[in-house]
Amino acid sequence: MSAQKIELLLLSAKEAAKLLGICRNHFYALHNNGRLGPLPIRLGRRTLWSRKELETWIAEECPARRQWQELKKIKHKVKIA
């Protein structure tokens, strides 16, 4: 039986920070000052970030939250049309 690596869809702050190559404290600082685009998802008591959204945010060159949310709205409208 081969060991398979499971990629989580939702990441804790520690895991998201590792994905971005930064420490958890810096990750929270980015989140708190609005420089981290993706907003977290609350799942019970846990606060998690979408891996897919973080990866897309990085591909879009890490815009600040306000700009990121506007980009998401525009892309969502295009998908619906």
PDB file of N, CA and C in Angstrom:
ATOM      1  N   MET A   1       0.852  -1.177   0.000  1.00  0.00           N
ATOM      2  CA  MET A   1       0.000   0.000   0.000  1.00  0.00           C
ATOM      3  C   MET A   1       0.897   1.239   0.000  1.00  0.00           C
ATOM      4  N   SER A   2       0.695   2.122  -0.945  1.00  0.00           N
ATOM      5  CA  SER A   2       1.513   3.327  -1.024  1.00  0.00           C
ATOM      6  C   SER A   2       0.898   4.434  -0.179  1.00  0.00           C
ATOM      7  N   ALA A   3       1.768   5.225   0.416  1.00  0.00           N
ATOM      8  CA  ALA A   3       1.299   6.344   1.227  1.00  0.00           C
ATOM      9  C   ALA A   3       0.912   7.488   0.291  1.00  0.00           C
ATOM     10  N   GLN A   4      -0.317   7.974   0.450  1.00  0.00           N
ATOM     11  CA  GLN A   4      -0.789   9.070  -0.375  1.00  0.00           C
ATOM     12  C   GLN A   4      -0.816  10.350   0.458  1.00  0.00           C
ATOM     13  N   LYS A   5      -0.364  11.441  -0.146  1.00  0.00           N
ATOM     14  CA  LYS A   5      -0.395  12.721   0.528  1.00  0.00           C
ATOM     15  C   LYS A   5      -1.771  13.330   0.313  1.00  0.00           C
ATOM     16  N   ILE A   6      -2.432  13.671   1.399  1.00  0.00           N
ATOM     17  CA  ILE A   6      -3.759  14.270   1.328  1.00  0.00           C
ATOM     18  C   ILE A   6      -3.604  15.786   1.431  1.00  0.00           C
ATOM     19  N   GLU A   7      -4.118  16.499   0.434  1.00  0.00           N
ATOM     20  CA  GLU A   7      -4.102  17.961   0.473  1.00  0.00           C
ATOM     21  C   GLU A   7      -5.414  18.444   1.070  1.00  0.00           C
ATOM     22  N   LEU A   8      -5.304  19.139   2.163  1.00  0.00           N
ATOM     23  CA  LEU A   8      -6.491  19.670   2.821  1.00  0.00           C
ATOM     24  C   LEU A   8      -7.099  20.799   2.010  1.00  0.00           C
ATOM     25  N   LEU A   9      -8.405  20.850   1.968  1.00  0.00           N
ATOM     26  CA  LEU A   9      -9.103  21.922   1.262  1.00  0.00           C
ATOM     27  C   LEU A   9      -9.181  23.186   2.105  1.00  0.00           C
ATOM     28  N   LEU A  10      -9.294  23.007   3.410  1.00  0.00           N
ATOM     29  CA  LEU A  10      -9.358  24.122   4.343  1.00  0.00           C
ATOM     30  C   LEU A  10      -8.150  24.057   5.267  1.00  0.00           C
ATOM     31  N   LEU A  11      -7.524  25.196   5.484  1.00  0.00           N
ATOM     32  CA  LEU A  11      -6.283  25.251   6.244  1.00  0.00           C
ATOM     33  C   LEU A  11      -6.423  26.105   7.493  1.00  0.00           C
ATOM     34  N   SER A  12      -5.760  25.688   8.554  1.00  0.00           N
ATOM     35  CA  SER A  12      -5.678  26.522   9.751  1.00  0.00           C
ATOM     36  C   SER A  12      -4.735  27.682   9.453  1.00  0.00           C
ATOM     37  N   ALA A  13      -4.672  28.643  10.352  1.00  0.00           N
ATOM     38  CA  ALA A  13      -3.763  29.775  10.162  1.00  0.00           C
ATOM     39  C   ALA A  13      -2.317  29.283  10.060  1.00  0.00           C
ATOM     40  N   LYS A  14      -1.959  28.313  10.877  1.00  0.00           N
ATOM     41  CA  LYS A  14      -0.594  27.766  10.852  1.00  0.00           C
ATOM     42  C   LYS A  14      -0.299  27.121   9.491  1.00  0.00           C
ATOM     43  N   GLU A  15      -1.249  26.326   8.989  1.00  0.00           N
ATOM     44  CA  GLU A  15      -1.069  25.659   7.694  1.00  0.00           C
ATOM     45  C   GLU A  15      -1.074  26.652   6.538  1.00  0.00           C
ATOM     46  N   ALA A  16      -1.953  27.655   6.618  1.00  0.00           N
ATOM     47  CA  ALA A  16      -2.013  28.674   5.568  1.00  0.00           C
ATOM     48  C   ALA A  16      -0.723  29.486   5.547  1.00  0.00           C
ATOM     49  N   ALA A  17      -0.213  29.817   6.720  1.00  0.00           N
ATOM     50  CA  ALA A  17       1.046  30.557   6.805  1.00  0.00           C
ATOM     51  C   ALA A  17       2.177  29.751   6.184  1.00  0.00           C
ATOM     52  N   LYS A  18       2.199  28.458   6.466  1.00  0.00           N
ATOM     53  CA  LYS A  18       3.230  27.590   5.887  1.00  0.00           C
ATOM     54  C   LYS A  18       3.119  27.565   4.361  1.00  0.00           C
ATOM     55  N   LEU A  19       1.894  27.506   3.843  1.00  0.00           N
ATOM     56  CA  LEU A  19       1.667  27.532   2.397  1.00  0.00           C
ATOM     57  C   LEU A  19       2.232  28.815   1.791  1.00  0.00           C
ATOM     58  N   LEU A  20       2.085  29.933   2.503  1.00  0.00           N
ATOM     59  CA  LEU A  20       2.567  31.227   2.023  1.00  0.00           C
ATOM     60  C   LEU A  20       4.049  31.454   2.306  1.00  0.00           C
ATOM     61  N   GLY A  21       4.636  30.594   3.131  1.00  0.00           N
ATOM     62  CA  GLY A  21       6.057  30.739   3.453  1.00  0.00           C
ATOM     63  C   GLY A  21       6.333  31.838   4.464  1.00  0.00           C
ATOM     64  N   ILE A  22       5.364  32.072   5.360  1.00  0.00           N
ATOM     65  CA  ILE A  22       5.522  33.093   6.400  1.00  0.00           C
ATOM     66  C   ILE A  22       5.176  32.481   7.749  1.00  0.00           C
ATOM     67  N   CYS A  23       5.516  33.190   8.831  1.00  0.00           N
ATOM     68  CA  CYS A  23       5.171  32.675  10.158  1.00  0.00           C
ATOM     69  C   CYS A  23       3.706  32.987  10.468  1.00  0.00           C
ATOM     70  N   ARG A  24       3.161  32.272  11.422  1.00  0.00           N
ATOM     71  CA  ARG A  24       1.756  32.423  11.788  1.00  0.00           C
ATOM     72  C   ARG A  24       1.448  33.843  12.283  1.00  0.00           C
ATOM     73  N   ASN A  25       2.371  34.435  13.052  1.00  0.00           N
ATOM     74  CA  ASN A  25       2.145  35.794  13.549  1.00  0.00           C
ATOM     75  C   ASN A  25       2.048  36.796  12.400  1.00  0.00           C
ATOM     76  N   HIS A  26       2.906  36.645  11.401  1.00  0.00           N
ATOM     77  CA  HIS A  26       2.856  37.542  10.251  1.00  0.00           C
ATOM     78  C   HIS A  26       1.565  37.310   9.461  1.00  0.00           C
ATOM     79  N   PHE A  27       1.138  36.056   9.356  1.00  0.00           N
ATOM     80  CA  PHE A  27      -0.119  35.726   8.679  1.00  0.00           C
ATOM     81  C   PHE A  27      -1.280  36.461   9.353  1.00  0.00           C
ATOM     82  N   TYR A  28      -1.342  36.394  10.691  1.00  0.00           N
ATOM     83  CA  TYR A  28      -2.412  37.084  11.416  1.00  0.00           C
ATOM     84  C   TYR A  28      -2.292  38.594  11.268  1.00  0.00           C
ATOM     85  N   ALA A  29      -1.070  39.117  11.223  1.00  0.00           N
ATOM     86  CA  ALA A  29      -0.885  40.561  11.027  1.00  0.00           C
ATOM     87  C   ALA A  29      -1.437  40.981   9.672  1.00  0.00           C
ATOM     88  N   LEU A  30      -1.150  40.212   8.623  1.00  0.00           N
ATOM     89  CA  LEU A  30      -1.693  40.502   7.289  1.00  0.00           C
ATOM     90  C   LEU A  30      -3.217  40.456   7.311  1.00  0.00           C
ATOM     91  N   HIS A  31      -3.764  39.451   7.981  1.00  0.00           N
ATOM     92  CA  HIS A  31      -5.222  39.301   8.079  1.00  0.00           C
ATOM     93  C   HIS A  31      -5.828  40.495   8.826  1.00  0.00           C
ATOM     94  N   ASN A  32      -5.238  40.856   9.947  1.00  0.00           N
ATOM     95  CA  ASN A  32      -5.793  41.918  10.791  1.00  0.00           C
ATOM     96  C   ASN A  32      -5.721  43.296  10.151  1.00  0.00           C
ATOM     97  N   ASN A  33      -4.701  43.558   9.314  1.00  0.00           N
ATOM     98  CA  ASN A  33      -4.597  44.879   8.702  1.00  0.00           C
ATOM     99  C   ASN A  33      -5.169  44.938   7.281  1.00  0.00           C
ATOM    100  N   GLY A  34      -5.822  43.850   6.840  1.00  0.00           N
ATOM    101  CA  GLY A  34      -6.513  43.856   5.558  1.00  0.00           C
ATOM    102  C   GLY A  34      -5.634  43.601   4.342  1.00  0.00           C
ATOM    103  N   ARG A  35      -4.411  43.176   4.561  1.00  0.00           N
ATOM    104  CA  ARG A  35      -3.528  42.899   3.426  1.00  0.00           C
ATOM    105  C   ARG A  35      -3.666  41.461   2.937  1.00  0.00           C
ATOM    106  N   LEU A  36      -4.271  40.595   3.728  1.00  0.00           N
ATOM    107  CA  LEU A  36      -4.541  39.222   3.311  1.00  0.00           C
ATOM    108  C   LEU A  36      -5.913  39.219   2.660  1.00  0.00           C
ATOM    109  N   GLY A  37      -5.961  38.948   1.370  1.00  0.00           N
ATOM    110  CA  GLY A  37      -7.213  39.032   0.620  1.00  0.00           C
ATOM    111  C   GLY A  37      -8.303  38.083   1.070  1.00  0.00           C
ATOM    112  N   PRO A  38      -8.025  36.777   1.063  1.00  0.00           N
ATOM    113  CA  PRO A  38      -9.080  35.821   1.413  1.00  0.00           C
ATOM    114  C   PRO A  38      -9.547  35.948   2.863  1.00  0.00           C
ATOM    115  N   LEU A  39     -10.854  35.886   3.028  1.00  0.00           N
ATOM    116  CA  LEU A  39     -11.438  35.889   4.364  1.00  0.00           C
ATOM    117  C   LEU A  39     -11.553  34.450   4.859  1.00  0.00           C
ATOM    118  N   PRO A  40     -11.489  34.254   6.164  1.00  0.00           N
ATOM    119  CA  PRO A  40     -11.591  32.896   6.693  1.00  0.00           C
ATOM    120  C   PRO A  40     -13.025  32.387   6.673  1.00  0.00           C
ATOM    121  N   ILE A  41     -13.129  31.089   6.851  1.00  0.00           N
ATOM    122  CA  ILE A  41     -14.403  30.385   6.938  1.00  0.00           C
ATOM    123  C   ILE A  41     -14.511  29.857   8.363  1.00  0.00           C
ATOM    124  N   ARG A  42     -15.642  30.078   8.997  1.00  0.00           N
ATOM    125  CA  ARG A  42     -15.855  29.529  10.338  1.00  0.00           C
ATOM    126  C   ARG A  42     -16.527  28.167  10.191  1.00  0.00           C
ATOM    127  N   LEU A  43     -15.931  27.167  10.800  1.00  0.00           N
ATOM    128  CA  LEU A  43     -16.465  25.816  10.782  1.00  0.00           C
ATOM    129  C   LEU A  43     -16.493  25.345  12.229  1.00  0.00           C
ATOM    130  N   GLY A  44     -17.666  25.471  12.850  1.00  0.00           N
ATOM    131  CA  GLY A  44     -17.742  25.212  14.280  1.00  0.00           C
ATOM    132  C   GLY A  44     -16.930  26.270  15.003  1.00  0.00           C
ATOM    133  N   ARG A  45     -16.013  25.844  15.842  1.00  0.00           N
ATOM    134  CA  ARG A  45     -15.136  26.778  16.554  1.00  0.00           C
ATOM    135  C   ARG A  45     -13.874  27.112  15.776  1.00  0.00           C
ATOM    136  N   ARG A  46     -13.658  26.411  14.687  1.00  0.00           N
ATOM    137  CA  ARG A  46     -12.415  26.592  13.922  1.00  0.00           C
ATOM    138  C   ARG A  46     -12.526  27.711  12.909  1.00  0.00           C
ATOM    139  N   THR A  47     -11.421  28.401  12.719  1.00  0.00           N
ATOM    140  CA  THR A  47     -11.304  29.429  11.698  1.00  0.00           C
ATOM    141  C   THR A  47     -10.332  28.890  10.660  1.00  0.00           C
ATOM    142  N   LEU A  48     -10.823  28.744   9.425  1.00  0.00           N
ATOM    143  CA  LEU A  48     -10.037  28.103   8.371  1.00  0.00           C
ATOM    144  C   LEU A  48     -10.040  28.948   7.108  1.00  0.00           C
ATOM    145  N   TRP A  49      -9.004  28.759   6.282  1.00  0.00           N
ATOM    146  CA  TRP A  49      -8.896  29.453   5.001  1.00  0.00           C
ATOM    147  C   TRP A  49      -8.925  28.430   3.883  1.00  0.00           C
ATOM    148  N   SER A  50      -9.548  28.781   2.783  1.00  0.00           N
ATOM    149  CA  SER A  50      -9.635  27.916   1.613  1.00  0.00           C
ATOM    150  C   SER A  50      -8.279  27.868   0.899  1.00  0.00           C
ATOM    151  N   ARG A  51      -7.753  26.660   0.745  1.00  0.00           N
ATOM    152  CA  ARG A  51      -6.490  26.485   0.018  1.00  0.00           C
ATOM    153  C   ARG A  51      -6.624  27.023  -1.405  1.00  0.00           C
ATOM    154  N   LYS A  52      -7.728  26.682  -2.057  1.00  0.00           N
ATOM    155  CA  LYS A  52      -7.942  27.104  -3.443  1.00  0.00           C
ATOM    156  C   LYS A  52      -7.959  28.625  -3.547  1.00  0.00           C
ATOM    157  N   GLU A  53      -8.651  29.277  -2.625  1.00  0.00           N
ATOM    158  CA  GLU A  53      -8.714  30.738  -2.676  1.00  0.00           C
ATOM    159  C   GLU A  53      -7.343  31.360  -2.392  1.00  0.00           C
ATOM    160  N   LEU A  54      -6.600  30.799  -1.440  1.00  0.00           N
ATOM    161  CA  LEU A  54      -5.256  31.312  -1.167  1.00  0.00           C
ATOM    162  C   LEU A  54      -4.356  31.162  -2.390  1.00  0.00           C
ATOM    163  N   GLU A  55      -4.437  30.007  -3.054  1.00  0.00           N
ATOM    164  CA  GLU A  55      -3.612  29.780  -4.242  1.00  0.00           C
ATOM    165  C   GLU A  55      -3.999  30.732  -5.377  1.00  0.00           C
ATOM    166  N   THR A  56      -5.290  30.976  -5.538  1.00  0.00           N
ATOM    167  CA  THR A  56      -5.758  31.918  -6.566  1.00  0.00           C
ATOM    168  C   THR A  56      -5.311  33.333  -6.221  1.00  0.00           C
ATOM    169  N   TRP A  57      -5.403  33.693  -4.951  1.00  0.00           N
ATOM    170  CA  TRP A  57      -4.972  35.008  -4.475  1.00  0.00           C
ATOM    171  C   TRP A  57      -3.488  35.232  -4.781  1.00  0.00           C
ATOM    172  N   ILE A  58      -2.680  34.206  -4.555  1.00  0.00           N
ATOM    173  CA  ILE A  58      -1.248  34.297  -4.853  1.00  0.00           C
ATOM    174  C   ILE A  58      -1.041  34.481  -6.356  1.00  0.00           C
ATOM    175  N   ALA A  59      -1.766  33.718  -7.162  1.00  0.00           N
ATOM    176  CA  ALA A  59      -1.645  33.823  -8.622  1.00  0.00           C
ATOM    177  C   ALA A  59      -2.031  35.224  -9.116  1.00  0.00           C
ATOM    178  N   GLU A  60      -2.913  35.905  -8.385  1.00  0.00           N
ATOM    179  CA  GLU A  60      -3.345  37.265  -8.739  1.00  0.00           C
ATOM    180  C   GLU A  60      -2.428  38.329  -8.133  1.00  0.00           C
ATOM    181  N   GLU A  61      -1.283  37.901  -7.601  1.00  0.00           N
ATOM    182  CA  GLU A  61      -0.247  38.783  -7.051  1.00  0.00           C
ATOM    183  C   GLU A  61      -0.615  39.419  -5.713  1.00  0.00           C
ATOM    184  N   CYS A  62      -1.372  38.700  -4.914  1.00  0.00           N
ATOM    185  CA  CYS A  62      -1.654  39.051  -3.518  1.00  0.00           C
ATOM    186  C   CYS A  62      -2.240  40.452  -3.294  1.00  0.00           C
ATOM    187  N   PRO A  63      -3.355  40.769  -3.948  1.00  0.00           N
ATOM    188  CA  PRO A  63      -3.954  42.091  -3.708  1.00  0.00           C
ATOM    189  C   PRO A  63      -4.508  42.197  -2.285  1.00  0.00           C
ATOM    190  N   ALA A  64      -4.618  43.421  -1.797  1.00  0.00           N
ATOM    191  CA  ALA A  64      -5.191  43.659  -0.475  1.00  0.00           C
ATOM    192  C   ALA A  64      -6.651  43.199  -0.463  1.00  0.00           C
ATOM    193  N   ARG A  65      -7.197  43.012   0.721  1.00  0.00           N
ATOM    194  CA  ARG A  65      -8.543  42.433   0.876  1.00  0.00           C
ATOM    195  C   ARG A  65      -9.616  43.174   0.086  1.00  0.00           C
ATOM    196  N   ARG A  66      -9.638  44.493   0.171  1.00  0.00           N
ATOM    197  CA  ARG A  66     -10.690  45.249  -0.516  1.00  0.00           C
ATOM    198  C   ARG A  66     -10.646  44.980  -2.019  1.00  0.00           C
ATOM    199  N   GLN A  67      -9.446  45.042  -2.590  1.00  0.00           N
ATOM    200  CA  GLN A  67      -9.289  44.786  -4.027  1.00  0.00           C
ATOM    201  C   GLN A  67      -9.614  43.323  -4.348  1.00  0.00           C
ATOM    202  N   TRP A  68      -9.204  42.407  -3.483  1.00  0.00           N
ATOM    203  CA  TRP A  68      -9.465  40.985  -3.700  1.00  0.00           C
ATOM    204  C   TRP A  68     -10.966  40.703  -3.718  1.00  0.00           C
ATOM    205  N   GLN A  69     -11.695  41.286  -2.792  1.00  0.00           N
ATOM    206  CA  GLN A  69     -13.134  41.055  -2.733  1.00  0.00           C
ATOM    207  C   GLN A  69     -13.820  41.606  -3.983  1.00  0.00           C
ATOM    208  N   GLU A  70     -13.351  42.740  -4.494  1.00  0.00           N
ATOM    209  CA  GLU A  70     -13.901  43.300  -5.734  1.00  0.00           C
ATOM    210  C   GLU A  70     -13.603  42.378  -6.922  1.00  0.00           C
ATOM    211  N   LEU A  71     -12.377  41.859  -6.987  1.00  0.00           N
ATOM    212  CA  LEU A  71     -12.021  40.918  -8.066  1.00  0.00           C
ATOM    213  C   LEU A  71     -12.915  39.679  -8.029  1.00  0.00           C
ATOM    214  N   LYS A  72     -13.181  39.184  -6.830  1.00  0.00           N
ATOM    215  CA  LYS A  72     -14.049  38.006  -6.689  1.00  0.00           C
ATOM    216  C   LYS A  72     -15.463  38.301  -7.188  1.00  0.00           C
ATOM    217  N   LYS A  73     -15.988  39.482  -6.871  1.00  0.00           N
ATOM    218  CA  LYS A  73     -17.331  39.856  -7.322  1.00  0.00           C
ATOM    219  C   LYS A  73     -17.389  39.900  -8.843  1.00  0.00           C
ATOM    220  N   ILE A  74     -16.382  40.511  -9.451  1.00  0.00           N
ATOM    221  CA  ILE A  74     -16.337  40.621 -10.910  1.00  0.00           C
ATOM    222  C   ILE A  74     -16.274  39.241 -11.549  1.00  0.00           C
ATOM    223  N   LYS A  75     -15.419  38.371 -11.035  1.00  0.00           N
ATOM    224  CA  LYS A  75     -15.279  37.034 -11.605  1.00  0.00           C
ATOM    225  C   LYS A  75     -16.550  36.213 -11.402  1.00  0.00           C
ATOM    226  N   HIS A  76     -17.233  36.425 -10.276  1.00  0.00           N
ATOM    227  CA  HIS A  76     -18.476  35.699 -10.024  1.00  0.00           C
ATOM    228  C   HIS A  76     -19.562  36.137 -11.007  1.00  0.00           C
ATOM    229  N   LYS A  77     -19.622  37.442 -11.295  1.00  0.00           N
ATOM    230  CA  LYS A  77     -20.605  37.958 -12.246  1.00  0.00           C
ATOM    231  C   LYS A  77     -20.346  37.397 -13.648  1.00  0.00           C
ATOM    232  N   VAL A  78     -19.077  37.293 -14.005  1.00  0.00           N
ATOM    233  CA  VAL A  78     -18.712  36.773 -15.330  1.00  0.00           C
ATOM    234  C   VAL A  78     -19.127  35.303 -15.440  1.00  0.00           C
ATOM    235  N   LYS A  79     -18.953  34.522 -14.369  1.00  0.00           N
ATOM    236  CA  LYS A  79     -19.347  33.106 -14.384  1.00  0.00           C
ATOM    237  C   LYS A  79     -20.847  32.943 -14.547  1.00  0.00           C
ATOM    238  N   ILE A  80     -21.607  33.829 -13.918  1.00  0.00           N
ATOM    239  CA  ILE A  80     -23.069  33.737 -13.969  1.00  0.00           C
ATOM    240  C   ILE A  80     -23.585  34.109 -15.352  1.00  0.00           C
ATOM    241  N   ALA A  81     -22.981  35.111 -15.971  1.00  0.00           N
ATOM    242  CA  ALA A  81     -23.468  35.622 -17.273  1.00  0.00           C
ATOM    243  C   ALA A  81     -23.276  34.640 -18.398  1.00  0.00           C
TER     244      ALA A  81
END
